[in-house]
Amino acid sequence: MIVHVKTESGFECDFEREAFNDMELLEAVENMDNGEAMAFLPFVRKLFAPEDKKRLYDSVREPDGRVPVEKIGRVIGEIIKALPEAEKK
């Protein structure tokens, strides 16, 4: 089943519901909750297809080309927050 998520910041993405049935992904979420910025990397790699990862990065990219970690973290937090509602639809 496909789950469509729209974040508060306007980023939209689709996920296979089954993608969240993954202990490594859950561990990455736990590590992010514990303030480990590097946990974003396995989360993004496991959850996003390359083209969606690019869209995610481009959605927060600064004019100088940087992709700020804190902005990625904010969007990932919004995705996690939006998932329960998205799964109801």
PDB file of N, CA and C in Angstrom:
ATOM      1  N   MET A   1       0.835  -1.176   0.000  1.00  0.00           N
ATOM      2  CA  MET A   1       0.000   0.000   0.000  1.00  0.00           C
ATOM      3  C   MET A   1       0.888   1.250   0.000  1.00  0.00           C
ATOM      4  N   ILE A   2       0.519   2.197  -0.810  1.00  0.00           N
ATOM      5  CA  ILE A   2       1.246   3.462  -0.892  1.00  0.00           C
ATOM      6  C   ILE A   2       0.645   4.454   0.096  1.00  0.00           C
ATOM      7  N   VAL A   3       1.524   5.145   0.819  1.00  0.00           N
ATOM      8  CA  VAL A   3       1.118   6.187   1.761  1.00  0.00           C
ATOM      9  C   VAL A   3       1.631   7.514   1.211  1.00  0.00           C
ATOM     10  N   HIS A   4       0.728   8.471   1.069  1.00  0.00           N
ATOM     11  CA  HIS A   4       1.101   9.804   0.586  1.00  0.00           C
ATOM     12  C   HIS A   4       1.211  10.739   1.781  1.00  0.00           C
ATOM     13  N   VAL A   5       2.347  11.419   1.880  1.00  0.00           N
ATOM     14  CA  VAL A   5       2.589  12.333   2.987  1.00  0.00           C
ATOM     15  C   VAL A   5       2.801  13.735   2.445  1.00  0.00           C
ATOM     16  N   LYS A   6       2.146  14.699   3.083  1.00  0.00           N
ATOM     17  CA  LYS A   6       2.390  16.108   2.789  1.00  0.00           C
ATOM     18  C   LYS A   6       2.773  16.766   4.109  1.00  0.00           C
ATOM     19  N   THR A   7       3.957  17.383   4.126  1.00  0.00           N
ATOM     20  CA  THR A   7       4.447  17.996   5.355  1.00  0.00           C
ATOM     21  C   THR A   7       3.899  19.409   5.511  1.00  0.00           C
ATOM     22  N   GLU A   8       4.071  19.948   6.713  1.00  0.00           N
ATOM     23  CA  GLU A   8       3.656  21.323   6.981  1.00  0.00           C
ATOM     24  C   GLU A   8       4.390  22.313   6.087  1.00  0.00           C
ATOM     25  N   SER A   9       5.630  21.979   5.718  1.00  0.00           N
ATOM     26  CA  SER A   9       6.419  22.882   4.883  1.00  0.00           C
ATOM     27  C   SER A   9       6.099  22.728   3.399  1.00  0.00           C
ATOM     28  N   GLY A  10       5.208  21.781   3.056  1.00  0.00           N
ATOM     29  CA  GLY A  10       4.770  21.641   1.673  1.00  0.00           C
ATOM     30  C   GLY A  10       5.436  20.526   0.889  1.00  0.00           C
ATOM     31  N   PHE A  11       6.426  19.834   1.460  1.00  0.00           N
ATOM     32  CA  PHE A  11       7.071  18.729   0.761  1.00  0.00           C
ATOM     33  C   PHE A  11       6.112  17.546   0.729  1.00  0.00           C
ATOM     34  N   GLU A  12       5.968  16.929  -0.454  1.00  0.00           N
ATOM     35  CA  GLU A  12       5.093  15.775  -0.612  1.00  0.00           C
ATOM     36  C   GLU A  12       5.890  14.586  -1.105  1.00  0.00           C
ATOM     37  N   CYS A  13       5.548  13.392  -0.583  1.00  0.00           N
ATOM     38  CA  CYS A  13       6.234  12.182  -1.005  1.00  0.00           C
ATOM     39  C   CYS A  13       5.329  10.977  -0.789  1.00  0.00           C
ATOM     40  N   ASP A  14       5.650   9.906  -1.484  1.00  0.00           N
ATOM     41  CA  ASP A  14       4.925   8.651  -1.363  1.00  0.00           C
ATOM     42  C   ASP A  14       5.881   7.582  -0.855  1.00  0.00           C
ATOM     43  N   PHE A  15       5.359   6.706   0.002  1.00  0.00           N
ATOM     44  CA  PHE A  15       6.149   5.605   0.536  1.00  0.00           C
ATOM     45  C   PHE A  15       5.345   4.327   0.468  1.00  0.00           C
ATOM     46  N   GLU A  16       6.039   3.233   0.319  1.00  0.00           N
ATOM     47  CA  GLU A  16       5.418   1.938   0.515  1.00  0.00           C
ATOM     48  C   GLU A  16       5.228   1.782   2.017  1.00  0.00           C
ATOM     49  N   ARG A  17       4.046   1.481   2.448  1.00  0.00           N
ATOM     50  CA  ARG A  17       3.782   1.318   3.877  1.00  0.00           C
ATOM     51  C   ARG A  17       4.742   0.302   4.495  1.00  0.00           C
ATOM     52  N   GLU A  18       5.062  -0.733   3.741  1.00  0.00           N
ATOM     53  CA  GLU A  18       5.932  -1.794   4.225  1.00  0.00           C
ATOM     54  C   GLU A  18       7.355  -1.308   4.503  1.00  0.00           C
ATOM     55  N   ALA A  19       7.739  -0.184   3.916  1.00  0.00           N
ATOM     56  CA  ALA A  19       9.094   0.348   4.128  1.00  0.00           C
ATOM     57  C   ALA A  19       9.333   0.691   5.590  1.00  0.00           C
ATOM     58  N   PHE A  20       8.267   0.933   6.333  1.00  0.00           N
ATOM     59  CA  PHE A  20       8.406   1.301   7.738  1.00  0.00           C
ATOM     60  C   PHE A  20       8.501   0.083   8.656  1.00  0.00           C
ATOM     61  N   ASN A  21       8.345  -1.099   8.092  1.00  0.00           N
ATOM     62  CA  ASN A  21       8.497  -2.338   8.850  1.00  0.00           C
ATOM     63  C   ASN A  21       9.958  -2.770   8.767  1.00  0.00           C
ATOM     64  N   ASP A  22      10.838  -1.954   9.316  1.00  0.00           N
ATOM     65  CA  ASP A  22      12.285  -2.145   9.182  1.00  0.00           C
ATOM     66  C   ASP A  22      12.966  -1.683  10.480  1.00  0.00           C
ATOM     67  N   MET A  23      13.577  -2.609  11.187  1.00  0.00           N
ATOM     68  CA  MET A  23      14.219  -2.276  12.461  1.00  0.00           C
ATOM     69  C   MET A  23      15.337  -1.245  12.290  1.00  0.00           C
ATOM     70  N   GLU A  24      16.092  -1.313  11.194  1.00  0.00           N
ATOM     71  CA  GLU A  24      17.167  -0.341  10.992  1.00  0.00           C
ATOM     72  C   GLU A  24      16.604   1.062  10.808  1.00  0.00           C
ATOM     73  N   LEU A  25      15.480   1.177  10.142  1.00  0.00           N
ATOM     74  CA  LEU A  25      14.829   2.474   9.989  1.00  0.00           C
ATOM     75  C   LEU A  25      14.341   2.970  11.354  1.00  0.00           C
ATOM     76  N   LEU A  26      13.750   2.076  12.129  1.00  0.00           N
ATOM     77  CA  LEU A  26      13.289   2.431  13.468  1.00  0.00           C
ATOM     78  C   LEU A  26      14.456   2.871  14.354  1.00  0.00           C
ATOM     79  N   GLU A  27      15.585   2.188  14.251  1.00  0.00           N
ATOM     80  CA  GLU A  27      16.772   2.580  15.018  1.00  0.00           C
ATOM     81  C   GLU A  27      17.257   3.966  14.599  1.00  0.00           C
ATOM     82  N   ALA A  28      17.198   4.257  13.297  1.00  0.00           N
ATOM     83  CA  ALA A  28      17.600   5.581  12.824  1.00  0.00           C
ATOM     84  C   ALA A  28      16.690   6.656  13.406  1.00  0.00           C
ATOM     85  N   VAL A  29      15.382   6.374  13.469  1.00  0.00           N
ATOM     86  CA  VAL A  29      14.440   7.333  14.058  1.00  0.00           C
ATOM     87  C   VAL A  29      14.767   7.534  15.540  1.00  0.00           C
ATOM     88  N   GLU A  30      15.042   6.445  16.240  1.00  0.00           N
ATOM     89  CA  GLU A  30      15.400   6.559  17.652  1.00  0.00           C
ATOM     90  C   GLU A  30      16.663   7.399  17.824  1.00  0.00           C
ATOM     91  N   ASN A  31      17.654   7.167  16.984  1.00  0.00           N
ATOM     92  CA  ASN A  31      18.901   7.925  17.067  1.00  0.00           C
ATOM     93  C   ASN A  31      18.670   9.405  16.767  1.00  0.00           C
ATOM     94  N   MET A  32      17.778   9.698  15.821  1.00  0.00           N
ATOM     95  CA  MET A  32      17.449  11.092  15.540  1.00  0.00           C
ATOM     96  C   MET A  32      16.790  11.724  16.757  1.00  0.00           C
ATOM     97  N   ASP A  33      15.895  10.968  17.409  1.00  0.00           N
ATOM     98  CA  ASP A  33      15.234  11.471  18.618  1.00  0.00           C
ATOM     99  C   ASP A  33      16.239  11.758  19.727  1.00  0.00           C
ATOM    100  N   ASN A  34      17.348  11.035  19.710  1.00  0.00           N
ATOM    101  CA  ASN A  34      18.393  11.234  20.719  1.00  0.00           C
ATOM    102  C   ASN A  34      19.388  12.312  20.303  1.00  0.00           C
ATOM    103  N   GLY A  35      19.096  13.015  19.200  1.00  0.00           N
ATOM    104  CA  GLY A  35      19.918  14.144  18.787  1.00  0.00           C
ATOM    105  C   GLY A  35      21.105  13.801  17.909  1.00  0.00           C
ATOM    106  N   GLU A  36      21.154  12.588  17.383  1.00  0.00           N
ATOM    107  CA  GLU A  36      22.272  12.185  16.536  1.00  0.00           C
ATOM    108  C   GLU A  36      22.008  12.606  15.081  1.00  0.00           C
ATOM    109  N   ALA A  37      22.659  13.667  14.666  1.00  0.00           N
ATOM    110  CA  ALA A  37      22.434  14.208  13.315  1.00  0.00           C
ATOM    111  C   ALA A  37      22.788  13.194  12.230  1.00  0.00           C
ATOM    112  N   MET A  38      23.779  12.365  12.468  1.00  0.00           N
ATOM    113  CA  MET A  38      24.194  11.388  11.461  1.00  0.00           C
ATOM    114  C   MET A  38      23.126  10.322  11.208  1.00  0.00           C
ATOM    115  N   ALA A  39      22.147  10.195  12.086  1.00  0.00           N
ATOM    116  CA  ALA A  39      21.079   9.212  11.898  1.00  0.00           C
ATOM    117  C   ALA A  39      20.191   9.574  10.717  1.00  0.00           C
ATOM    118  N   PHE A  40      20.243  10.835  10.282  1.00  0.00           N
ATOM    119  CA  PHE A  40      19.462  11.226   9.104  1.00  0.00           C
ATOM    120  C   PHE A  40      19.907  10.445   7.870  1.00  0.00           C
ATOM    121  N   LEU A  41      21.194  10.159   7.784  1.00  0.00           N
ATOM    122  CA  LEU A  41      21.720   9.507   6.590  1.00  0.00           C
ATOM    123  C   LEU A  41      21.100   8.134   6.337  1.00  0.00           C
ATOM    124  N   PRO A  42      21.141   7.188   7.284  1.00  0.00           N
ATOM    125  CA  PRO A  42      20.514   5.895   6.989  1.00  0.00           C
ATOM    126  C   PRO A  42      19.002   6.004   6.803  1.00  0.00           C
ATOM    127  N   PHE A  43      18.367   6.932   7.512  1.00  0.00           N
ATOM    128  CA  PHE A  43      16.931   7.127   7.342  1.00  0.00           C
ATOM    129  C   PHE A  43      16.618   7.528   5.908  1.00  0.00           C
ATOM    130  N   VAL A  44      17.309   8.531   5.416  1.00  0.00           N
ATOM    131  CA  VAL A  44      17.075   9.025   4.055  1.00  0.00           C
ATOM    132  C   VAL A  44      17.417   7.956   3.023  1.00  0.00           C
ATOM    133  N   ARG A  45      18.533   7.268   3.211  1.00  0.00           N
ATOM    134  CA  ARG A  45      18.944   6.226   2.248  1.00  0.00           C
ATOM    135  C   ARG A  45      17.953   5.081   2.181  1.00  0.00           C
ATOM    136  N   LYS A  46      17.413   4.679   3.329  1.00  0.00           N
ATOM    137  CA  LYS A  46      16.504   3.542   3.355  1.00  0.00           C
ATOM    138  C   LYS A  46      15.109   3.898   2.859  1.00  0.00           C
ATOM    139  N   LEU A  47      14.681   5.111   3.104  1.00  0.00           N
ATOM    140  CA  LEU A  47      13.294   5.456   2.831  1.00  0.00           C
ATOM    141  C   LEU A  47      13.062   6.080   1.456  1.00  0.00           C
ATOM    142  N   PHE A  48      14.017   6.847   0.968  1.00  0.00           N
ATOM    143  CA  PHE A  48      13.803   7.609  -0.266  1.00  0.00           C
ATOM    144  C   PHE A  48      14.497   6.971  -1.462  1.00  0.00           C
ATOM    145  N   ALA A  49      13.772   6.879  -2.557  1.00  0.00           N
ATOM    146  CA  ALA A  49      14.391   6.525  -3.835  1.00  0.00           C
ATOM    147  C   ALA A  49      15.306   7.677  -4.231  1.00  0.00           C
ATOM    148  N   PRO A  50      16.333   7.424  -5.050  1.00  0.00           N
ATOM    149  CA  PRO A  50      17.279   8.495  -5.408  1.00  0.00           C
ATOM    150  C   PRO A  50      16.613   9.771  -5.921  1.00  0.00           C
ATOM    151  N   GLU A  51      15.574   9.643  -6.732  1.00  0.00           N
ATOM    152  CA  GLU A  51      14.924  10.840  -7.268  1.00  0.00           C
ATOM    153  C   GLU A  51      14.155  11.586  -6.179  1.00  0.00           C
ATOM    154  N   ASP A  52      13.586  10.851  -5.220  1.00  0.00           N
ATOM    155  CA  ASP A  52      12.881  11.501  -4.111  1.00  0.00           C
ATOM    156  C   ASP A  52      13.861  12.149  -3.140  1.00  0.00           C
ATOM    157  N   LYS A  53      15.005  11.523  -2.942  1.00  0.00           N
ATOM    158  CA  LYS A  53      16.049  12.114  -2.101  1.00  0.00           C
ATOM    159  C   LYS A  53      16.496  13.445  -2.697  1.00  0.00           C
ATOM    160  N   LYS A  54      16.665  13.474  -4.010  1.00  0.00           N
ATOM    161  CA  LYS A  54      17.061  14.716  -4.678  1.00  0.00           C
ATOM    162  C   LYS A  54      15.982  15.785  -4.491  1.00  0.00           C
ATOM    163  N   ARG A  55      14.712  15.393  -4.639  1.00  0.00           N
ATOM    164  CA  ARG A  55      13.612  16.350  -4.434  1.00  0.00           C
ATOM    165  C   ARG A  55      13.602  16.872  -3.001  1.00  0.00           C
ATOM    166  N   LEU A  56      13.848  15.971  -2.049  1.00  0.00           N
ATOM    167  CA  LEU A  56      13.916  16.381  -0.645  1.00  0.00           C
ATOM    168  C   LEU A  56      15.027  17.397  -0.444  1.00  0.00           C
ATOM    169  N   TYR A  57      16.216  17.074  -0.923  1.00  0.00           N
ATOM    170  CA  TYR A  57      17.355  17.986  -0.767  1.00  0.00           C
ATOM    171  C   TYR A  57      17.093  19.312  -1.466  1.00  0.00           C
ATOM    172  N   ASP A  58      16.564  19.236  -2.687  1.00  0.00           N
ATOM    173  CA  ASP A  58      16.292  20.471  -3.434  1.00  0.00           C
ATOM    174  C   ASP A  58      15.241  21.346  -2.742  1.00  0.00           C
ATOM    175  N   SER A  59      14.340  20.709  -1.984  1.00  0.00           N
ATOM    176  CA  SER A  59      13.279  21.479  -1.326  1.00  0.00           C
ATOM    177  C   SER A  59      13.816  22.383  -0.222  1.00  0.00           C
ATOM    178  N   VAL A  60      15.017  22.091   0.284  1.00  0.00           N
ATOM    179  CA  VAL A  60      15.597  22.920   1.358  1.00  0.00           C
ATOM    180  C   VAL A  60      16.936  23.539   0.968  1.00  0.00           C
ATOM    181  N   ARG A  61      17.344  23.302  -0.262  1.00  0.00           N
ATOM    182  CA  ARG A  61      18.659  23.779  -0.725  1.00  0.00           C
ATOM    183  C   ARG A  61      18.761  25.305  -0.630  1.00  0.00           C
ATOM    184  N   GLU A  62      19.881  25.782  -0.110  1.00  0.00           N
ATOM    185  CA  GLU A  62      20.165  27.215   0.011  1.00  0.00           C
ATOM    186  C   GLU A  62      20.635  27.765  -1.344  1.00  0.00           C
ATOM    187  N   PRO A  63      20.545  29.063  -1.547  1.00  0.00           N
ATOM    188  CA  PRO A  63      21.013  29.659  -2.804  1.00  0.00           C
ATOM    189  C   PRO A  63      22.483  29.343  -3.123  1.00  0.00           C
ATOM    190  N   ASP A  64      23.292  29.125  -2.074  1.00  0.00           N
ATOM    191  CA  ASP A  64      24.700  28.806  -2.318  1.00  0.00           C
ATOM    192  C   ASP A  64      24.931  27.318  -2.589  1.00  0.00           C
ATOM    193  N   GLY A  65      23.851  26.517  -2.631  1.00  0.00           N
ATOM    194  CA  GLY A  65      23.954  25.104  -2.973  1.00  0.00           C
ATOM    195  C   GLY A  65      23.975  24.147  -1.788  1.00  0.00           C
ATOM    196  N   ARG A  66      24.131  24.680  -0.582  1.00  0.00           N
ATOM    197  CA  ARG A  66      24.169  23.809   0.596  1.00  0.00           C
ATOM    198  C   ARG A  66      22.778  23.253   0.910  1.00  0.00           C
ATOM    199  N   VAL A  67      22.787  22.045   1.518  1.00  0.00           N
ATOM    200  CA  VAL A  67      21.561  21.423   2.009  1.00  0.00           C
ATOM    201  C   VAL A  67      21.697  21.351   3.530  1.00  0.00           C
ATOM    202  N   PRO A  68      21.101  22.312   4.256  1.00  0.00           N
ATOM    203  CA  PRO A  68      21.282  22.375   5.703  1.00  0.00           C
ATOM    204  C   PRO A  68      20.705  21.157   6.438  1.00  0.00           C
ATOM    205  N   VAL A  69      21.502  20.585   7.293  1.00  0.00           N
ATOM    206  CA  VAL A  69      21.090  19.415   8.070  1.00  0.00           C
ATOM    207  C   VAL A  69      19.852  19.731   8.902  1.00  0.00           C
ATOM    208  N   GLU A  70      19.827  20.914   9.520  1.00  0.00           N
ATOM    209  CA  GLU A  70      18.684  21.232  10.375  1.00  0.00           C
ATOM    210  C   GLU A  70      17.381  21.321   9.579  1.00  0.00           C
ATOM    211  N   LYS A  71      17.451  21.759   8.326  1.00  0.00           N
ATOM    212  CA  LYS A  71      16.231  21.825   7.504  1.00  0.00           C
ATOM    213  C   LYS A  71      15.780  20.426   7.102  1.00  0.00           C
ATOM    214  N   ILE A  72      16.733  19.552   6.769  1.00  0.00           N
ATOM    215  CA  ILE A  72      16.386  18.158   6.460  1.00  0.00           C
ATOM    216  C   ILE A  72      15.754  17.527   7.695  1.00  0.00           C
ATOM    217  N   GLY A  73      16.344  17.779   8.855  1.00  0.00           N
ATOM    218  CA  GLY A  73      15.799  17.240  10.098  1.00  0.00           C
ATOM    219  C   GLY A  73      14.377  17.697  10.347  1.00  0.00           C
ATOM    220  N   ARG A  74      14.110  18.951  10.057  1.00  0.00           N
ATOM    221  CA  ARG A  74      12.765  19.498  10.242  1.00  0.00           C
ATOM    222  C   ARG A  74      11.767  18.792   9.327  1.00  0.00           C
ATOM    223  N   VAL A  75      12.137  18.610   8.048  1.00  0.00           N
ATOM    224  CA  VAL A  75      11.233  17.956   7.109  1.00  0.00           C
ATOM    225  C   VAL A  75      11.023  16.494   7.500  1.00  0.00           C
ATOM    226  N   ILE A  76      12.083  15.802   7.904  1.00  0.00           N
ATOM    227  CA  ILE A  76      11.936  14.409   8.329  1.00  0.00           C
ATOM    228  C   ILE A  76      11.021  14.330   9.549  1.00  0.00           C
ATOM    229  N   GLY A  77      11.180  15.252  10.477  1.00  0.00           N
ATOM    230  CA  GLY A  77      10.278  15.294  11.631  1.00  0.00           C
ATOM    231  C   GLY A  77       8.837  15.494  11.204  1.00  0.00           C
ATOM    232  N   GLU A  78       8.616  16.353  10.227  1.00  0.00           N
ATOM    233  CA  GLU A  78       7.265  16.588   9.717  1.00  0.00           C
ATOM    234  C   GLU A  78       6.710  15.336   9.047  1.00  0.00           C
ATOM    235  N   ILE A  79       7.584  14.608   8.330  1.00  0.00           N
ATOM    236  CA  ILE A  79       7.147  13.363   7.681  1.00  0.00           C
ATOM    237  C   ILE A  79       6.711  12.354   8.736  1.00  0.00           C
ATOM    238  N   ILE A  80       7.533  12.177   9.751  1.00  0.00           N
ATOM    239  CA  ILE A  80       7.205  11.215  10.805  1.00  0.00           C
ATOM    240  C   ILE A  80       5.909  11.618  11.509  1.00  0.00           C
ATOM    241  N   LYS A  81       5.745  12.901  11.759  1.00  0.00           N
ATOM    242  CA  LYS A  81       4.539  13.410  12.421  1.00  0.00           C
ATOM    243  C   LYS A  81       3.288  13.194  11.544  1.00  0.00           C
ATOM    244  N   ALA A  82       3.448  13.323  10.228  1.00  0.00           N
ATOM    245  CA  ALA A  82       2.315  13.216   9.302  1.00  0.00           C
ATOM    246  C   ALA A  82       1.934  11.772   8.976  1.00  0.00           C
ATOM    247  N   LEU A  83       2.804  10.817   9.250  1.00  0.00           N
ATOM    248  CA  LEU A  83       2.545   9.432   8.858  1.00  0.00           C
ATOM    249  C   LEU A  83       1.253   8.843   9.425  1.00  0.00           C
ATOM    250  N   PRO A  84       0.980   8.972  10.717  1.00  0.00           N
ATOM    251  CA  PRO A  84      -0.259   8.344  11.212  1.00  0.00           C
ATOM    252  C   PRO A  84      -1.506   8.832  10.485  1.00  0.00           C
ATOM    253  N   GLU A  85      -1.580  10.116  10.215  1.00  0.00           N
ATOM    254  CA  GLU A  85      -2.742  10.656   9.496  1.00  0.00           C
ATOM    255  C   GLU A  85      -2.765  10.155   8.051  1.00  0.00           C
ATOM    256  N   ALA A  86      -1.589  10.098   7.416  1.00  0.00           N
ATOM    257  CA  ALA A  86      -1.515   9.634   6.027  1.00  0.00           C
ATOM    258  C   ALA A  86      -1.948   8.180   5.904  1.00  0.00           C
ATOM    259  N   GLU A  87      -1.619   7.353   6.892  1.00  0.00           N
ATOM    260  CA  GLU A  87      -1.983   5.950   6.840  1.00  0.00           C
ATOM    261  C   GLU A  87      -3.487   5.726   6.993  1.00  0.00           C
ATOM    262  N   LYS A  88      -4.192   6.684   7.563  1.00  0.00           N
ATOM    263  CA  LYS A  88      -5.645   6.571   7.724  1.00  0.00           C
ATOM    264  C   LYS A  88      -6.374   6.739   6.405  1.00  0.00           C
ATOM    265  N   LYS A  89      -5.746   7.418   5.462  1.00  0.00           N
ATOM    266  CA  LYS A  89      -6.415   7.740   4.187  1.00  0.00           C
ATOM    267  C   LYS A  89      -6.349   6.565   3.230  1.00  0.00           C
TER     268      LYS A  89
END
